[in-house]
Amino acid sequence: MTASLQGRKIVVTRPRAQAARLASWIAGLGGQPVIFPLLEIAPAADPEPLQAAIARLDSYSLAFFISPNAVDFSLPSILASGPWPAGLRAFAIGQSSLASLASYGIANTLAPVAHFDSESLLELPELQRQFVGGQRVVIFRGNGGRELLGDTLRERGAQVDYVACYQRSAPADAAALASLLRGGQIDAMTISSSEGLRNLVDLLDASARASLQETLVFVPHQRIAEVATELGLQRVIRTGPADAGIIAALSVYNWQS
């Protein structure tokens, strides 16, 4: 592996449990990864909705997992109560969630293969009106979030229940990262969440925010790029999806430009 990131200090902002792979790839290319999660992940404050969904799990036909966190904060409790129902088809938005499901032994699952978002998931043939109409659907996710998946499935005739099995929150402060930004010590940041980016901007003081606006930022989705532009970031690079897309863009970027 060539050292195409030699000496470059690059911030990885994924939740801590998902940050290791991208950080390892950056280090493998000679870079210096700085892990600074912009979303803190914890179990849901109220466990009752998850327990209620588990009790009626065999009444659902389709189960959706919005993220690897949705898998990790629901599957242990689900499987502790009994085997995964044979008639329940699992869907994931991204390949990481698909791999997490497989690690728990959940087979016959589906996810988009090109773009990892609700829009791409909803394009799957198995989720068109003629197949989901009249079906009961459960969506495992964090607190809040986009409603597109559930709203669209309802429009297609499904009965949809949301289950918040974990919660996201902003980090307590960003003093360490702000210091690096103000000191011009960061070569690039990788941002994988619009919510996380908003958290960061809210945590920074004016001088650090000004530095962020001039920092090179790599994002794997158009929606994040649009939010970054709205927030005044001036050097936004749209990458391919997921960690693989981010590392590919980092490795070919002309750092001398």
Protein backbone atom coordinates (compact mmCIF):
# COMPACT_ATOMS: atom_id res chain seq x y z
CA MET A 1 0.00 0.00 0.00
CA THR A 2 1.43 3.37 -1.01
CA ALA A 3 1.76 6.11 1.59
CA SER A 4 -0.44 8.58 -0.30
CA LEU A 5 -1.53 10.26 2.94
CA GLN A 6 1.96 10.49 4.42
CA GLY A 7 1.98 12.95 7.31
CA ARG A 8 -1.59 14.14 6.73
CA LYS A 9 -3.64 14.63 9.89
CA ILE A 10 -7.21 13.56 9.11
CA VAL A 11 -10.15 13.65 11.50
CA VAL A 12 -12.53 10.68 11.60
CA THR A 13 -15.90 11.72 13.01
CA ARG A 14 -17.89 8.47 12.91
CA PRO A 15 -19.33 7.21 16.23
CA ARG A 16 -16.53 5.57 18.18
CA ALA A 17 -17.70 2.01 17.57
CA GLN A 18 -17.61 2.55 13.79
CA ALA A 19 -14.45 4.68 13.54
CA ALA A 20 -11.71 2.06 13.75
CA ARG A 21 -11.80 0.77 10.17
CA LEU A 22 -11.50 4.15 8.47
CA ALA A 23 -8.84 5.23 10.96
CA SER A 24 -6.89 2.05 10.24
CA TRP A 25 -7.07 2.62 6.49
CA ILE A 26 -5.86 6.20 6.89
CA ALA A 27 -2.93 5.01 9.02
CA GLY A 28 -2.16 2.33 6.43
CA LEU A 29 -1.74 5.07 3.83
CA GLY A 30 0.68 6.95 6.06
CA GLY A 31 -1.83 9.39 7.51
CA GLN A 32 -2.41 10.37 11.12
CA PRO A 33 -6.05 9.64 12.00
CA VAL A 34 -7.65 11.70 14.75
CA ILE A 35 -10.81 10.05 16.06
CA PHE A 36 -13.35 12.60 17.23
CA PRO A 37 -16.92 11.24 17.21
CA LEU A 38 -19.56 13.87 16.46
CA LEU A 39 -22.33 11.58 17.69
CA GLU A 40 -22.36 9.85 21.05
CA ILE A 41 -24.32 6.58 20.97
CA ALA A 42 -26.08 5.05 23.97
CA PRO A 43 -28.98 2.67 24.65
CA ALA A 44 -32.45 4.19 24.37
CA ALA A 45 -33.52 5.99 27.52
CA ASP A 46 -36.77 4.01 27.50
CA PRO A 47 -36.31 0.27 26.79
CA GLU A 48 -40.06 -0.44 26.71
CA PRO A 49 -40.66 0.21 22.97
CA LEU A 50 -37.97 -2.33 22.06
CA GLN A 51 -39.34 -4.91 24.49
CA ALA A 52 -42.85 -4.38 23.17
CA ALA A 53 -41.65 -4.87 19.59
CA ILE A 54 -39.80 -8.05 20.59
CA ALA A 55 -42.98 -9.43 22.14
CA ARG A 56 -44.84 -9.08 18.84
CA LEU A 57 -41.91 -9.61 16.48
CA ASP A 58 -43.45 -12.61 14.73
CA SER A 59 -46.40 -10.41 13.67
CA TYR A 60 -44.12 -8.39 11.35
CA SER A 61 -43.24 -9.32 7.78
CA LEU A 62 -40.40 -6.83 7.25
CA ALA A 63 -37.78 -5.43 9.65
CA PHE A 64 -35.52 -2.50 8.78
CA PHE A 65 -32.25 -1.55 10.46
CA ILE A 66 -31.21 2.05 9.86
CA SER A 67 -27.58 1.66 10.94
CA PRO A 68 -25.09 -0.75 12.53
CA ASN A 69 -26.05 0.83 15.85
CA ALA A 70 -29.67 -0.17 15.24
CA VAL A 71 -28.46 -3.75 14.81
CA ASP A 72 -26.16 -3.75 17.83
CA PHE A 73 -28.70 -2.17 20.17
CA SER A 74 -31.61 -4.42 19.17
CA LEU A 75 -30.39 -7.86 18.06
CA PRO A 76 -28.89 -9.01 21.39
CA SER A 77 -32.21 -8.38 23.15
CA ILE A 78 -34.20 -9.87 20.28
CA LEU A 79 -32.15 -13.07 20.15
CA ALA A 80 -32.09 -13.36 23.93
CA SER A 81 -35.87 -13.79 23.83
CA GLY A 82 -35.85 -16.42 21.08
CA PRO A 83 -34.79 -17.16 17.51
CA TRP A 84 -35.30 -14.70 14.69
CA PRO A 85 -38.77 -15.40 13.19
CA ALA A 86 -38.51 -17.50 10.05
CA GLY A 87 -41.01 -15.33 8.18
CA LEU A 88 -39.42 -11.98 9.00
CA ARG A 89 -37.32 -10.47 6.19
CA ALA A 90 -34.56 -8.10 7.29
CA PHE A 91 -33.44 -5.03 5.34
CA ALA A 92 -30.52 -2.67 5.95
CA ILE A 93 -29.72 0.72 4.50
CA GLY A 94 -25.99 0.05 4.15
CA GLN A 95 -23.50 -2.73 3.72
CA SER A 96 -22.09 -2.19 7.22
CA SER A 97 -25.51 -2.85 8.72
CA LEU A 98 -25.85 -5.88 6.48
CA ALA A 99 -22.53 -7.23 7.78
CA SER A 100 -23.65 -6.57 11.36
CA LEU A 101 -26.86 -8.53 10.77
CA ALA A 102 -24.83 -11.41 9.33
CA SER A 103 -22.60 -11.41 12.42
CA TYR A 104 -25.70 -12.19 14.48
CA GLY A 105 -26.70 -14.98 12.11
CA ILE A 106 -29.51 -13.09 10.37
CA ALA A 107 -29.51 -14.38 6.79
CA ASN A 108 -31.54 -13.67 3.66
CA THR A 109 -31.20 -9.92 4.19
CA LEU A 110 -31.26 -7.15 1.60
CA ALA A 111 -29.60 -3.73 1.22
CA PRO A 112 -28.87 -1.32 -1.64
CA VAL A 113 -25.61 -1.98 -3.47
CA ALA A 114 -24.74 1.40 -4.99
CA HIS A 115 -25.99 4.19 -2.73
CA PHE A 116 -26.65 3.71 0.96
CA ASP A 117 -29.69 5.78 1.91
CA SER A 118 -33.44 5.49 2.32
CA GLU A 119 -34.06 6.55 -1.26
CA SER A 120 -31.96 3.69 -2.64
CA LEU A 121 -33.49 1.20 -0.21
CA LEU A 122 -36.97 2.17 -1.35
CA GLU A 123 -36.03 1.43 -4.96
CA LEU A 124 -35.57 -2.28 -4.22
CA PRO A 125 -38.13 -4.36 -6.14
CA GLU A 126 -39.12 -6.16 -2.93
CA LEU A 127 -40.32 -2.87 -1.42
CA GLN A 128 -42.70 -1.79 -4.14
CA ARG A 129 -46.40 -1.32 -3.47
CA GLN A 130 -47.51 -4.72 -4.73
CA PHE A 131 -45.24 -6.45 -2.21
CA VAL A 132 -45.49 -4.26 0.89
CA GLY A 133 -49.16 -3.32 0.75
CA GLY A 134 -50.93 -4.72 3.81
CA GLN A 135 -47.67 -5.87 5.44
CA ARG A 136 -46.62 -5.03 9.00
CA VAL A 137 -43.24 -3.32 9.14
CA VAL A 138 -40.90 -2.48 12.02
CA ILE A 139 -38.08 0.04 11.69
CA PHE A 140 -35.26 -0.10 14.27
CA ARG A 141 -33.45 3.21 14.56
CA GLY A 142 -32.12 5.86 16.92
CA ASN A 143 -34.07 8.72 18.45
CA GLY A 144 -35.60 10.89 15.74
CA GLY A 145 -34.17 10.98 12.25
CA ARG A 146 -35.61 11.09 8.77
CA GLU A 147 -39.17 9.88 8.24
CA LEU A 148 -38.86 9.18 4.50
CA LEU A 149 -38.63 5.40 4.80
CA GLY A 150 -41.65 4.99 7.06
CA ASP A 151 -43.74 7.61 5.27
CA THR A 152 -43.11 6.04 1.87
CA LEU A 153 -43.86 2.52 3.07
CA ARG A 154 -47.11 3.79 4.57
CA GLU A 155 -47.98 5.43 1.25
CA ARG A 156 -47.41 2.02 -0.34
CA GLY A 157 -49.92 0.46 2.02
CA ALA A 158 -47.74 -0.94 4.81
CA GLN A 159 -48.44 -0.62 8.54
CA VAL A 160 -45.25 0.84 10.02
CA ASP A 161 -43.94 0.92 13.60
CA TYR A 162 -40.80 2.81 14.58
CA VAL A 163 -38.70 1.48 17.46
CA ALA A 164 -36.00 3.72 18.96
CA CYS A 165 -33.47 1.23 20.31
CA TYR A 166 -30.59 3.70 20.80
CA GLN A 167 -30.10 7.41 21.18
CA ARG A 168 -27.72 9.87 19.56
CA SER A 169 -26.40 12.97 21.24
CA ALA A 170 -23.77 15.61 20.64
CA PRO A 171 -20.40 15.30 22.39
CA ALA A 172 -20.03 17.34 25.56
CA ASP A 173 -17.50 19.70 24.01
CA ALA A 174 -15.13 20.04 21.10
CA ALA A 175 -12.33 21.97 22.79
CA ALA A 176 -9.56 19.62 21.63
CA LEU A 177 -10.74 19.66 18.03
CA ALA A 178 -11.29 23.42 18.11
CA SER A 179 -7.69 23.90 19.21
CA LEU A 180 -6.44 21.81 16.29
CA LEU A 181 -8.61 23.75 13.86
CA ARG A 182 -7.49 27.14 15.11
CA GLY A 183 -3.87 26.01 14.95
CA GLY A 184 -4.17 24.89 11.33
CA GLN A 185 -3.10 21.38 12.36
CA ILE A 186 -5.79 19.48 10.47
CA ASP A 187 -5.33 18.58 6.82
CA ALA A 188 -8.83 17.20 6.30
CA MET A 189 -11.96 15.98 8.03
CA THR A 190 -14.27 13.12 7.11
CA ILE A 191 -17.93 13.79 7.89
CA SER A 192 -20.42 10.93 7.62
CA SER A 193 -23.50 12.52 9.21
CA SER A 194 -25.40 15.77 8.65
CA GLU A 195 -26.50 15.67 12.28
CA GLY A 196 -22.91 15.23 13.42
CA LEU A 197 -21.75 18.17 11.31
CA ARG A 198 -24.44 20.39 12.82
CA ASN A 199 -23.33 19.25 16.27
CA LEU A 200 -19.76 20.27 15.49
CA VAL A 201 -20.68 23.73 14.22
CA ASP A 202 -22.81 24.32 17.31
CA LEU A 203 -19.94 23.35 19.61
CA LEU A 204 -17.26 25.53 17.99
CA ASP A 205 -16.53 29.13 18.88
CA ALA A 206 -16.37 31.75 16.15
CA SER A 207 -12.66 31.44 15.41
CA ALA A 208 -12.70 27.64 15.25
CA ARG A 209 -15.84 27.77 13.09
CA ALA A 210 -14.05 30.10 10.69
CA SER A 211 -11.16 27.63 10.48
CA LEU A 212 -13.59 24.77 9.83
CA GLN A 213 -15.09 26.68 6.93
CA GLU A 214 -11.67 26.70 5.26
CA THR A 215 -10.80 23.08 6.11
CA LEU A 216 -10.93 20.35 3.49
CA VAL A 217 -13.93 18.12 4.22
CA PHE A 218 -14.73 14.74 2.63
CA VAL A 219 -18.37 13.61 2.73
CA PRO A 220 -19.92 10.40 1.33
CA HIS A 221 -23.41 11.68 0.52
CA GLN A 222 -24.93 14.58 -1.39
CA ARG A 223 -27.22 15.47 1.52
CA ILE A 224 -24.21 15.98 3.81
CA ALA A 225 -22.49 18.06 1.12
CA GLU A 226 -25.54 20.31 0.89
CA VAL A 227 -25.65 20.81 4.67
CA ALA A 228 -21.92 21.57 4.69
CA THR A 229 -22.41 24.23 2.03
CA GLU A 230 -25.36 25.71 3.94
CA LEU A 231 -23.13 25.97 7.01
CA GLY A 232 -20.49 27.91 5.09
CA LEU A 233 -17.89 25.18 4.49
CA GLN A 234 -15.96 26.12 1.37
CA ARG A 235 -13.86 23.04 0.55
CA VAL A 236 -16.28 20.12 0.38
CA ILE A 237 -15.32 16.97 -1.53
CA ARG A 238 -18.14 14.53 -2.35
CA THR A 239 -16.83 10.95 -2.21
CA GLY A 240 -18.20 7.55 -3.04
CA PRO A 241 -20.37 5.87 -0.40
CA ALA A 242 -19.24 4.53 2.97
CA ASP A 243 -15.67 4.21 4.27
CA ALA A 244 -14.45 2.72 1.00
CA GLY A 245 -15.59 5.79 -0.92
CA ILE A 246 -14.03 8.16 1.59
CA ILE A 247 -10.65 6.43 1.62
CA ALA A 248 -10.59 6.24 -2.19
CA ALA A 249 -11.14 9.99 -2.43
CA LEU A 250 -8.54 10.72 0.24
CA SER A 251 -5.97 8.56 -1.50
CA VAL A 252 -6.29 10.24 -4.91
CA TYR A 253 -6.68 13.83 -3.75
CA ASN A 254 -3.99 16.21 -4.97
CA TRP A 255 -2.71 17.45 -1.62
CA GLN A 256 -0.39 19.96 -3.27
CA SER A 257 -3.24 21.88 -4.91
